[in-house]
Structures are given as structure tokens and as C-alpha cells.
């Protein structure tokens, strides 16, 4: 069966194409525009796996001791965010990534946000 995407969500930093939303998982194709970044955030219940498909990005995430670690990553990088892990991604080039997450779509706690959300 061929299905249409659930929806396209425009964001101040790019866009999210919601490919699938089920009771078990959600799949998104996310585009971050060069020079933009997501909020520094964490989730109380949501768990995410991210595959960077295109572009170069600076990622910030909680290290083993809870301190924020920063790395430059590119295509082929896989990121995992468990509940409570702080994280952010900044596009050094246009970035496309695939995100699979548990379906708690509104579970976002923003610590810092460039767009005052």
C-alpha cells in the first residue's frame, strides 16, 4: 500500500516531513537550513534515533557525566537521545536527517531557544 505523508511542519530553522505516526513510532525527514539550529532541549518520555543523511552539523548532547559535549558530524552519523538527554543540532551546511522516535510528539522541554518558543 502506498500512503501519503502525515503532514509537513514548517519550522523557523527548516521543516519536518512526518512520514509515519503510529502508536509505536514516528518517522520524520527533517531539514535544517544552513546557519540555523534547533532549541537546546530534552524529553521526559520520548526516545529518538537520528541518522544524518546530508550536510555538516554541530551537535550538542549530554555526555556520560551530564556535561554538554559538542561534536562536528556529517553524513552517516547516528545519534541517540534517551529521555532526559539534552541535545541540539546546528546546520553548518544544509542538513537532512531521518528521525525515528517514540510517538510522544509534544514531549519537548526547551532549555534554550533562538526563536523564543
C-alpha atoms as a PDB file:
ATOM      1  CA  UNK A   1       0.000   0.000   0.000  1.00  0.00           C
ATOM      2  CA  UNK A   2       1.293   3.487  -0.846  1.00  0.00           C
ATOM      3  CA  UNK A   3       0.363   6.207   1.648  1.00  0.00           C
ATOM      4  CA  UNK A   4       0.778   9.977   1.747  1.00  0.00           C
ATOM      5  CA  UNK A   5       2.940  11.651   4.388  1.00  0.00           C
ATOM      6  CA  UNK A   6       1.031  12.608   7.525  1.00  0.00           C
ATOM      7  CA  UNK A   7       1.970  16.311   7.239  1.00  0.00           C
ATOM      8  CA  UNK A   8       4.632  18.913   6.556  1.00  0.00           C
ATOM      9  CA  UNK A   9       5.528  21.140   9.514  1.00  0.00           C
ATOM     10  CA  UNK A  10       7.375  24.384   8.756  1.00  0.00           C
ATOM     11  CA  UNK A  11       9.851  25.356  11.481  1.00  0.00           C
ATOM     12  CA  UNK A  12      11.878  28.577  11.926  1.00  0.00           C
ATOM     13  CA  UNK A  13      15.042  26.543  11.266  1.00  0.00           C
ATOM     14  CA  UNK A  14      13.702  24.430   8.363  1.00  0.00           C
ATOM     15  CA  UNK A  15      10.983  21.781   8.114  1.00  0.00           C
ATOM     16  CA  UNK A  16       9.773  18.376   9.252  1.00  0.00           C
ATOM     17  CA  UNK A  17       8.024  15.934   6.926  1.00  0.00           C
ATOM     18  CA  UNK A  18       6.082  13.495   9.092  1.00  0.00           C
ATOM     19  CA  UNK A  19       6.288  10.273   7.098  1.00  0.00           C
ATOM     20  CA  UNK A  20       4.628   7.975   9.649  1.00  0.00           C
ATOM     21  CA  UNK A  21       2.931   8.429  13.011  1.00  0.00           C
ATOM     22  CA  UNK A  22       1.753   5.249  14.734  1.00  0.00           C
ATOM     23  CA  UNK A  23       1.137   4.111  18.292  1.00  0.00           C
ATOM     24  CA  UNK A  24       4.661   2.596  18.369  1.00  0.00           C
ATOM     25  CA  UNK A  25       6.854   5.079  16.455  1.00  0.00           C
ATOM     26  CA  UNK A  26       7.073   8.268  14.433  1.00  0.00           C
ATOM     27  CA  UNK A  27       9.326   8.781  11.384  1.00  0.00           C
ATOM     28  CA  UNK A  28      10.307  12.282  10.250  1.00  0.00           C
ATOM     29  CA  UNK A  29      12.517  13.649   7.480  1.00  0.00           C
ATOM     30  CA  UNK A  30      13.976  16.858   8.914  1.00  0.00           C
ATOM     31  CA  UNK A  31      15.726  19.643   7.014  1.00  0.00           C
ATOM     32  CA  UNK A  32      17.772  22.251   8.901  1.00  0.00           C
ATOM     33  CA  UNK A  33      18.821  25.273   6.867  1.00  0.00           C
ATOM     34  CA  UNK A  34      22.471  26.359   6.937  1.00  0.00           C
ATOM     35  CA  UNK A  35      23.164  28.649   9.897  1.00  0.00           C
ATOM     36  CA  UNK A  36      20.051  27.610  11.843  1.00  0.00           C
ATOM     37  CA  UNK A  37      19.795  25.438  14.932  1.00  0.00           C
ATOM     38  CA  UNK A  38      17.178  23.644  16.961  1.00  0.00           C
ATOM     39  CA  UNK A  39      16.485  24.501  20.566  1.00  0.00           C
ATOM     40  CA  UNK A  40      18.604  23.004  23.322  1.00  0.00           C
ATOM     41  CA  UNK A  41      16.026  20.544  24.609  1.00  0.00           C
ATOM     42  CA  UNK A  42      15.267  17.282  26.326  1.00  0.00           C
ATOM     43  CA  UNK A  43      12.314  14.924  26.536  1.00  0.00           C
ATOM     44  CA  UNK A  44      10.659  13.395  29.574  1.00  0.00           C
ATOM     45  CA  UNK A  45       9.445  10.219  27.804  1.00  0.00           C
ATOM     46  CA  UNK A  46      10.395  10.434  24.130  1.00  0.00           C
ATOM     47  CA  UNK A  47      13.378   8.498  22.771  1.00  0.00           C
ATOM     48  CA  UNK A  48      14.948   9.367  19.404  1.00  0.00           C
ATOM     49  CA  UNK A  49      17.352   7.867  16.888  1.00  0.00           C
ATOM     50  CA  UNK A  50      18.660  10.229  14.203  1.00  0.00           C
ATOM     51  CA  UNK A  51      20.527   9.393  11.004  1.00  0.00           C
ATOM     52  CA  UNK A  52      22.283  12.315   9.304  1.00  0.00           C
ATOM     53  CA  UNK A  53      21.874  11.801   5.576  1.00  0.00           C
ATOM     54  CA  UNK A  54      23.297  15.031   4.110  1.00  0.00           C
ATOM     55  CA  UNK A  55      25.272  18.046   5.307  1.00  0.00           C
ATOM     56  CA  UNK A  56      27.606  19.018   8.101  1.00  0.00           C
ATOM     57  CA  UNK A  57      26.280  19.788  11.579  1.00  0.00           C
ATOM     58  CA  UNK A  58      27.424  20.776  15.032  1.00  0.00           C
ATOM     59  CA  UNK A  59      25.661  18.653  17.640  1.00  0.00           C
ATOM     60  CA  UNK A  60      25.457  19.243  21.365  1.00  0.00           C
ATOM     61  CA  UNK A  61      24.374  16.439  23.665  1.00  0.00           C
ATOM     62  CA  UNK A  62      24.597  15.249  27.254  1.00  0.00           C
ATOM     63  CA  UNK A  63      27.798  13.327  27.898  1.00  0.00           C
ATOM     64  CA  UNK A  64      28.147  10.472  30.396  1.00  0.00           C
ATOM     65  CA  UNK A  65      28.648  12.907  33.283  1.00  0.00           C
ATOM     66  CA  UNK A  66      25.745  15.154  32.214  1.00  0.00           C
ATOM     67  CA  UNK A  67      28.004  17.861  30.789  1.00  0.00           C
ATOM     68  CA  UNK A  68      27.265  19.109  27.272  1.00  0.00           C
ATOM     69  CA  UNK A  69      29.590  17.620  24.626  1.00  0.00           C
ATOM     70  CA  UNK A  70      29.965  19.299  21.204  1.00  0.00           C
ATOM     71  CA  UNK A  71      30.982  17.481  18.024  1.00  0.00           C
ATOM     72  CA  UNK A  72      31.024  18.207  14.293  1.00  0.00           C
ATOM     73  CA  UNK A  73      29.318  15.386  12.370  1.00  0.00           C
ATOM     74  CA  UNK A  74      28.376  14.552   8.803  1.00  0.00           C
ATOM     75  CA  UNK A  75      26.559  12.001   6.664  1.00  0.00           C
ATOM     76  CA  UNK A  76      26.355   8.530   8.156  1.00  0.00           C
ATOM     77  CA  UNK A  77      26.342   9.741  11.769  1.00  0.00           C
ATOM     78  CA  UNK A  78      23.753   8.143  14.059  1.00  0.00           C
ATOM     79  CA  UNK A  79      22.618   9.916  17.230  1.00  0.00           C
ATOM     80  CA  UNK A  80      20.536   8.521  20.084  1.00  0.00           C
ATOM     81  CA  UNK A  81      18.667  10.669  22.610  1.00  0.00           C
ATOM     82  CA  UNK A  82      17.131   8.991  25.637  1.00  0.00           C
ATOM     83  CA  UNK A  83      14.661  10.702  27.974  1.00  0.00           C
ATOM     84  CA  UNK A  84      16.465  13.409  29.946  1.00  0.00           C
ATOM     85  CA  UNK A  85      19.350  13.775  27.454  1.00  0.00           C
ATOM     86  CA  UNK A  86      19.830  17.437  26.484  1.00  0.00           C
ATOM     87  CA  UNK A  87      20.544  17.921  22.786  1.00  0.00           C
ATOM     88  CA  UNK A  88      20.701  20.443  19.939  1.00  0.00           C
ATOM     89  CA  UNK A  89      21.755  20.400  16.287  1.00  0.00           C
ATOM     90  CA  UNK A  90      23.114  23.322  14.274  1.00  0.00           C
ATOM     91  CA  UNK A  91      23.382  23.220  10.476  1.00  0.00           C
ATOM     92  CA  UNK A  92      26.858  24.244   9.268  1.00  0.00           C
ATOM     93  CA  UNK A  93      25.576  23.338   5.780  1.00  0.00           C
ATOM     94  CA  UNK A  94      22.026  22.477   4.761  1.00  0.00           C
ATOM     95  CA  UNK A  95      21.333  19.253   6.680  1.00  0.00           C
ATOM     96  CA  UNK A  96      18.862  16.463   6.028  1.00  0.00           C
ATOM     97  CA  UNK A  97      18.273  13.836   8.677  1.00  0.00           C
ATOM     98  CA  UNK A  98      15.917  10.987   9.376  1.00  0.00           C
ATOM     99  CA  UNK A  99      14.478  10.751  12.876  1.00  0.00           C
ATOM    100  CA  UNK A 100      12.693   7.747  14.349  1.00  0.00           C
ATOM    101  CA  UNK A 101      11.136   8.384  17.727  1.00  0.00           C
ATOM    102  CA  UNK A 102       8.615   7.103  20.170  1.00  0.00           C
ATOM    103  CA  UNK A 103       5.288   8.832  19.444  1.00  0.00           C
ATOM    104  CA  UNK A 104       5.244  11.407  22.252  1.00  0.00           C
ATOM    105  CA  UNK A 105       5.101  14.281  19.758  1.00  0.00           C
ATOM    106  CA  UNK A 106       4.504  17.101  22.275  1.00  0.00           C
ATOM    107  CA  UNK A 107       7.195  15.954  24.723  1.00  0.00           C
ATOM    108  CA  UNK A 108       9.696  18.806  24.285  1.00  0.00           C
ATOM    109  CA  UNK A 109      11.246  20.772  27.150  1.00  0.00           C
ATOM    110  CA  UNK A 110      13.203  23.700  25.719  1.00  0.00           C
ATOM    111  CA  UNK A 111      16.201  24.834  27.798  1.00  0.00           C
ATOM    112  CA  UNK A 112      17.337  27.490  25.267  1.00  0.00           C
ATOM    113  CA  UNK A 113      15.676  28.599  22.044  1.00  0.00           C
ATOM    114  CA  UNK A 114      16.792  31.155  19.428  1.00  0.00           C
ATOM    115  CA  UNK A 115      13.180  31.627  18.297  1.00  0.00           C
ATOM    116  CA  UNK A 116      11.528  32.339  21.679  1.00  0.00           C
ATOM    117  CA  UNK A 117       9.198  29.355  21.555  1.00  0.00           C
END
